């Protein structure tokens, strides 16, 4: 299933976004600040 989603995203040249687990500072860095220089894709 993951490989199918990855193939579709690759073909359409889009990034997969997981609604239940958004890529925000709160979800990626539980109790600390993100490291300096972290590249955020949007």
N, C-alpha and C. Protein backbone atom coordinates (compact mmCIF):
# COMPACT_ATOMS: atom_id res chain seq x y z
N UNK A 1 0.82 -1.19 0.00
CA UNK A 1 0.00 0.00 0.00
C UNK A 1 0.87 1.26 0.00
N UNK A 2 1.91 1.29 0.84
CA UNK A 2 2.81 2.45 0.85
C UNK A 2 3.47 2.62 -0.51
N UNK A 3 3.91 1.52 -1.10
CA UNK A 3 4.60 1.62 -2.39
C UNK A 3 3.66 2.17 -3.46
N UNK A 4 2.39 1.84 -3.38
CA UNK A 4 1.41 2.36 -4.34
C UNK A 4 1.24 3.87 -4.15
N UNK A 5 1.09 4.32 -2.90
CA UNK A 5 0.95 5.76 -2.63
C UNK A 5 2.20 6.50 -3.07
N UNK A 6 3.38 5.93 -2.79
CA UNK A 6 4.64 6.56 -3.17
C UNK A 6 4.74 6.68 -4.69
N UNK A 7 4.36 5.64 -5.39
CA UNK A 7 4.41 5.67 -6.85
C UNK A 7 3.51 6.76 -7.42
N UNK A 8 2.31 6.89 -6.87
CA UNK A 8 1.37 7.92 -7.33
C UNK A 8 1.93 9.31 -7.06
N UNK A 9 2.45 9.52 -5.85
CA UNK A 9 3.02 10.82 -5.51
C UNK A 9 4.22 11.14 -6.39
N UNK A 10 5.07 10.15 -6.64
CA UNK A 10 6.22 10.36 -7.51
C UNK A 10 5.78 10.73 -8.92
N UNK A 11 4.80 10.02 -9.42
CA UNK A 11 4.31 10.26 -10.78
C UNK A 11 3.72 11.66 -10.91
N UNK A 12 2.98 12.09 -9.89
CA UNK A 12 2.35 13.41 -9.92
C UNK A 12 3.27 14.53 -9.43
N UNK A 13 4.46 14.14 -8.97
CA UNK A 13 5.44 15.09 -8.42
C UNK A 13 4.86 15.92 -7.29
N UNK A 14 4.23 15.22 -6.34
CA UNK A 14 3.68 15.88 -5.15
C UNK A 14 4.20 15.16 -3.91
N UNK A 15 4.18 15.85 -2.78
CA UNK A 15 4.55 15.24 -1.51
C UNK A 15 3.30 14.72 -0.83
N UNK A 16 3.42 13.56 -0.20
CA UNK A 16 2.30 13.00 0.55
C UNK A 16 2.15 13.76 1.86
N UNK A 17 0.92 14.15 2.19
CA UNK A 17 0.64 14.80 3.47
C UNK A 17 -0.31 13.90 4.24
N UNK A 18 0.08 13.59 5.47
CA UNK A 18 -0.69 12.69 6.33
C UNK A 18 -1.55 13.54 7.27
N UNK A 19 -2.85 13.68 7.01
CA UNK A 19 -3.70 14.54 7.84
C UNK A 19 -3.67 14.21 9.34
N UNK A 20 -3.68 12.93 9.76
CA UNK A 20 -3.63 12.66 11.20
C UNK A 20 -2.28 12.98 11.84
N UNK A 21 -1.23 13.11 11.03
CA UNK A 21 0.10 13.40 11.56
C UNK A 21 0.76 14.48 10.72
N UNK A 22 0.33 15.74 10.90
CA UNK A 22 0.89 16.83 10.10
C UNK A 22 2.36 17.08 10.46
N UNK A 23 3.11 17.57 9.51
CA UNK A 23 4.53 17.83 9.75
C UNK A 23 4.71 19.24 10.33
N UNK A 24 4.29 19.39 11.57
CA UNK A 24 4.45 20.65 12.28
C UNK A 24 5.49 20.47 13.38
N UNK A 25 5.97 21.59 13.93
CA UNK A 25 6.93 21.50 15.02
C UNK A 25 6.37 20.70 16.19
N UNK A 26 5.07 20.85 16.46
CA UNK A 26 4.46 20.15 17.59
C UNK A 26 4.47 18.64 17.39
N UNK A 27 4.28 18.17 16.18
CA UNK A 27 4.24 16.72 15.96
C UNK A 27 5.62 16.12 15.77
N UNK A 28 6.57 16.92 15.25
CA UNK A 28 7.91 16.39 14.98
C UNK A 28 8.86 16.53 16.17
N UNK A 29 8.67 17.56 16.97
CA UNK A 29 9.57 17.83 18.09
C UNK A 29 8.73 17.95 19.35
N UNK A 30 8.54 16.84 20.02
CA UNK A 30 7.60 16.74 21.13
C UNK A 30 7.84 17.78 22.22
N UNK A 31 9.04 17.81 22.80
CA UNK A 31 9.26 18.70 23.95
C UNK A 31 10.44 19.64 23.76
N UNK A 32 10.97 19.71 22.58
CA UNK A 32 12.10 20.60 22.39
C UNK A 32 11.96 21.33 21.06
N UNK A 33 12.74 22.37 20.92
CA UNK A 33 12.72 23.16 19.70
C UNK A 33 13.43 22.41 18.58
N UNK A 34 13.03 22.65 17.34
CA UNK A 34 13.74 22.02 16.22
C UNK A 34 15.18 22.53 16.15
N UNK A 35 16.08 21.71 15.64
CA UNK A 35 17.47 22.14 15.54
C UNK A 35 17.61 23.33 14.59
N UNK A 36 18.61 24.19 14.84
CA UNK A 36 18.80 25.34 13.96
C UNK A 36 19.16 24.88 12.55
N UNK A 37 18.68 25.61 11.57
CA UNK A 37 19.00 25.29 10.19
C UNK A 37 18.14 24.20 9.59
N UNK A 38 17.10 23.79 10.29
CA UNK A 38 16.21 22.75 9.76
C UNK A 38 15.47 23.29 8.55
N UNK A 39 15.51 22.55 7.47
CA UNK A 39 14.84 22.96 6.23
C UNK A 39 13.40 22.47 6.28
N UNK A 40 12.46 23.37 6.14
CA UNK A 40 11.05 23.03 6.17
C UNK A 40 10.50 23.14 4.76
N UNK A 41 9.92 22.07 4.26
CA UNK A 41 9.30 22.08 2.94
C UNK A 41 7.83 22.42 3.09
N UNK A 42 7.34 23.27 2.25
CA UNK A 42 5.91 23.59 2.32
C UNK A 42 5.31 23.64 0.95
